[in-house]
Amino acid sequence: MLYYVATETNKLDEPIAKSDELLQKIERKLDSLTGTKIIRVDNRLAHLKKEIGQRMSERELKALDDVLASEYTLQEFKDDYCSGKTKQHDSFNKDNLFFICDRLK
């Protein structure tokens, strides 16, 4: 096992694909049996907003809403401000910018 983790290999691609296929079959079967659809929920961003919301100004909260509007805007923000380059944001103070970037990693 350690050999496969420590080296670059494609021998695990087939078992991973089979397990993904099995998971999809199970989800489809559950959907057909219950008449509902399984939706995976990611509460990470909502938790971030709740966690930092108390220490931000109204202007910063509005800017945070704009950042969290879509995956594209979130990724663009991470690329621009969380990539290790010290860059000043127009709306966030330095401490909140570092806090947001730490939580998004």
C-alpha atoms as a PDB file:
ATOM      1  CA  MET A   1       0.000   0.000   0.000  1.00  0.00           C
ATOM      2  CA  LEU A   2       2.780   2.399   0.920  1.00  0.00           C
ATOM      3  CA  TYR A   3       4.460   1.686  -2.402  1.00  0.00           C
ATOM      4  CA  TYR A   4       1.374   2.821  -4.323  1.00  0.00           C
ATOM      5  CA  VAL A   5       0.963   5.948  -2.207  1.00  0.00           C
ATOM      6  CA  ALA A   6       4.639   6.938  -2.387  1.00  0.00           C
ATOM      7  CA  THR A   7       5.112   6.351  -6.121  1.00  0.00           C
ATOM      8  CA  GLU A   8       3.346   7.668  -9.137  1.00  0.00           C
ATOM      9  CA  THR A   9       1.152   4.967 -10.604  1.00  0.00           C
ATOM     10  CA  ASN A  10      -2.016   4.467 -12.561  1.00  0.00           C
ATOM     11  CA  LYS A  11      -2.813   1.033 -11.114  1.00  0.00           C
ATOM     12  CA  LEU A  12      -5.384   2.550  -8.775  1.00  0.00           C
ATOM     13  CA  ASP A  13      -7.331   4.301 -11.538  1.00  0.00           C
ATOM     14  CA  GLU A  14      -9.419   1.248 -12.402  1.00  0.00           C
ATOM     15  CA  PRO A  15     -10.446   0.370  -8.800  1.00  0.00           C
ATOM     16  CA  ILE A  16     -11.304   4.016  -8.124  1.00  0.00           C
ATOM     17  CA  ALA A  17     -13.420   4.177 -11.279  1.00  0.00           C
ATOM     18  CA  LYS A  18     -15.217   0.974 -10.274  1.00  0.00           C
ATOM     19  CA  SER A  19     -15.974   2.296  -6.803  1.00  0.00           C
ATOM     20  CA  ASP A  20     -17.297   5.573  -8.263  1.00  0.00           C
ATOM     21  CA  GLU A  21     -19.477   3.593 -10.647  1.00  0.00           C
ATOM     22  CA  LEU A  22     -20.790   1.485  -7.755  1.00  0.00           C
ATOM     23  CA  LEU A  23     -21.579   4.601  -5.724  1.00  0.00           C
ATOM     24  CA  GLN A  24     -23.504   6.089  -8.653  1.00  0.00           C
ATOM     25  CA  LYS A  25     -25.477   2.846  -9.053  1.00  0.00           C
ATOM     26  CA  ILE A  26     -26.380   2.916  -5.367  1.00  0.00           C
ATOM     27  CA  GLU A  27     -27.480   6.563  -5.582  1.00  0.00           C
ATOM     28  CA  ARG A  28     -29.625   5.848  -8.655  1.00  0.00           C
ATOM     29  CA  LYS A  29     -31.183   2.838  -6.908  1.00  0.00           C
ATOM     30  CA  LEU A  30     -31.996   4.918  -3.833  1.00  0.00           C
ATOM     31  CA  ASP A  31     -33.458   7.627  -6.053  1.00  0.00           C
ATOM     32  CA  SER A  32     -35.709   5.135  -7.804  1.00  0.00           C
ATOM     33  CA  LEU A  33     -36.799   3.441  -4.559  1.00  0.00           C
ATOM     34  CA  THR A  34     -37.560   6.577  -2.591  1.00  0.00           C
ATOM     35  CA  GLY A  35     -38.459   8.974  -5.360  1.00  0.00           C
ATOM     36  CA  THR A  36     -35.984  11.494  -3.993  1.00  0.00           C
ATOM     37  CA  LYS A  37     -32.660  12.743  -5.187  1.00  0.00           C
ATOM     38  CA  ILE A  38     -29.549  12.703  -3.009  1.00  0.00           C
ATOM     39  CA  ILE A  39     -27.976  16.156  -2.844  1.00  0.00           C
ATOM     40  CA  ARG A  40     -24.567  16.660  -1.310  1.00  0.00           C
ATOM     41  CA  VAL A  41     -24.486  19.836   0.752  1.00  0.00           C
ATOM     42  CA  ASP A  42     -21.322  21.825   1.363  1.00  0.00           C
ATOM     43  CA  ASN A  43     -21.796  23.971   4.459  1.00  0.00           C
ATOM     44  CA  ARG A  44     -18.174  25.099   4.514  1.00  0.00           C
ATOM     45  CA  LEU A  45     -18.893  28.498   2.964  1.00  0.00           C
ATOM     46  CA  ALA A  46     -21.942  29.165   5.115  1.00  0.00           C
ATOM     47  CA  HIS A  47     -19.906  28.269   8.190  1.00  0.00           C
ATOM     48  CA  LEU A  48     -17.150  30.660   7.053  1.00  0.00           C
ATOM     49  CA  LYS A  49     -19.603  33.519   6.702  1.00  0.00           C
ATOM     50  CA  LYS A  50     -21.121  32.815  10.120  1.00  0.00           C
ATOM     51  CA  GLU A  51     -17.696  32.517  11.733  1.00  0.00           C
ATOM     52  CA  ILE A  52     -16.259  35.754  10.346  1.00  0.00           C
ATOM     53  CA  GLY A  53     -19.468  37.755  10.008  1.00  0.00           C
ATOM     54  CA  GLN A  54     -19.345  39.143  13.524  1.00  0.00           C
ATOM     55  CA  ARG A  55     -15.943  40.747  13.070  1.00  0.00           C
ATOM     56  CA  MET A  56     -16.618  42.325   9.654  1.00  0.00           C
ATOM     57  CA  SER A  57     -18.121  45.641   8.687  1.00  0.00           C
ATOM     58  CA  GLU A  58     -21.167  45.907   6.422  1.00  0.00           C
ATOM     59  CA  ARG A  59     -18.914  46.793   3.477  1.00  0.00           C
ATOM     60  CA  GLU A  60     -16.770  43.707   4.101  1.00  0.00           C
ATOM     61  CA  LEU A  61     -19.852  41.483   4.415  1.00  0.00           C
ATOM     62  CA  LYS A  62     -21.125  42.732   1.048  1.00  0.00           C
ATOM     63  CA  ALA A  63     -17.720  42.029  -0.515  1.00  0.00           C
ATOM     64  CA  LEU A  64     -17.726  38.546   1.052  1.00  0.00           C
ATOM     65  CA  ASP A  65     -21.162  37.873  -0.459  1.00  0.00           C
ATOM     66  CA  ASP A  66     -19.772  38.879  -3.852  1.00  0.00           C
ATOM     67  CA  VAL A  67     -16.806  36.528  -3.397  1.00  0.00           C
ATOM     68  CA  LEU A  68     -19.036  33.615  -2.360  1.00  0.00           C
ATOM     69  CA  ALA A  69     -21.549  34.221  -5.170  1.00  0.00           C
ATOM     70  CA  SER A  70     -20.247  31.368  -7.344  1.00  0.00           C
ATOM     71  CA  GLU A  71     -17.442  28.855  -7.616  1.00  0.00           C
ATOM     72  CA  TYR A  72     -15.877  30.989 -10.336  1.00  0.00           C
ATOM     73  CA  THR A  73     -15.712  34.149  -8.208  1.00  0.00           C
ATOM     74  CA  LEU A  74     -14.466  32.134  -5.238  1.00  0.00           C
ATOM     75  CA  GLN A  75     -11.672  30.546  -7.279  1.00  0.00           C
ATOM     76  CA  GLU A  76     -10.728  33.907  -8.779  1.00  0.00           C
ATOM     77  CA  PHE A  77     -10.519  35.408  -5.271  1.00  0.00           C
ATOM     78  CA  LYS A  78      -8.356  32.523  -4.050  1.00  0.00           C
ATOM     79  CA  ASP A  79      -6.041  32.866  -7.052  1.00  0.00           C
ATOM     80  CA  ASP A  80      -5.692  36.623  -6.644  1.00  0.00           C
ATOM     81  CA  TYR A  81      -5.472  37.044  -2.876  1.00  0.00           C
ATOM     82  CA  CYS A  82      -4.692  33.674  -1.290  1.00  0.00           C
ATOM     83  CA  SER A  83      -1.802  32.560  -3.457  1.00  0.00           C
ATOM     84  CA  GLY A  84       0.907  33.741  -1.089  1.00  0.00           C
ATOM     85  CA  LYS A  85       1.496  37.083  -2.733  1.00  0.00           C
ATOM     86  CA  THR A  86       0.773  39.964  -0.405  1.00  0.00           C
ATOM     87  CA  LYS A  87      -1.945  41.855  -2.154  1.00  0.00           C
ATOM     88  CA  GLN A  88      -4.258  44.419  -0.588  1.00  0.00           C
ATOM     89  CA  HIS A  89      -7.995  43.998  -1.122  1.00  0.00           C
ATOM     90  CA  ASP A  90     -10.206  47.051  -1.623  1.00  0.00           C
ATOM     91  CA  SER A  91     -12.847  45.946   0.879  1.00  0.00           C
ATOM     92  CA  PHE A  92     -11.220  43.582   3.389  1.00  0.00           C
ATOM     93  CA  ASN A  93      -8.731  44.681   6.009  1.00  0.00           C
ATOM     94  CA  LYS A  94      -5.496  42.718   6.195  1.00  0.00           C
ATOM     95  CA  ASP A  95      -6.493  40.554   9.189  1.00  0.00           C
ATOM     96  CA  ASN A  96      -9.838  39.545   7.691  1.00  0.00           C
ATOM     97  CA  LEU A  97      -8.228  38.812   4.326  1.00  0.00           C
ATOM     98  CA  PHE A  98      -5.737  36.446   5.978  1.00  0.00           C
ATOM     99  CA  PHE A  99      -8.548  34.877   8.013  1.00  0.00           C
ATOM    100  CA  ILE A 100     -10.679  34.259   4.909  1.00  0.00           C
ATOM    101  CA  CYS A 101      -7.752  32.786   2.973  1.00  0.00           C
ATOM    102  CA  ASP A 102      -6.866  30.489   5.858  1.00  0.00           C
ATOM    103  CA  ARG A 103     -10.416  29.186   6.020  1.00  0.00           C
ATOM    104  CA  LEU A 104     -10.696  28.639   2.250  1.00  0.00           C
ATOM    105  CA  LYS A 105      -7.667  26.341   2.043  1.00  0.00           C
END
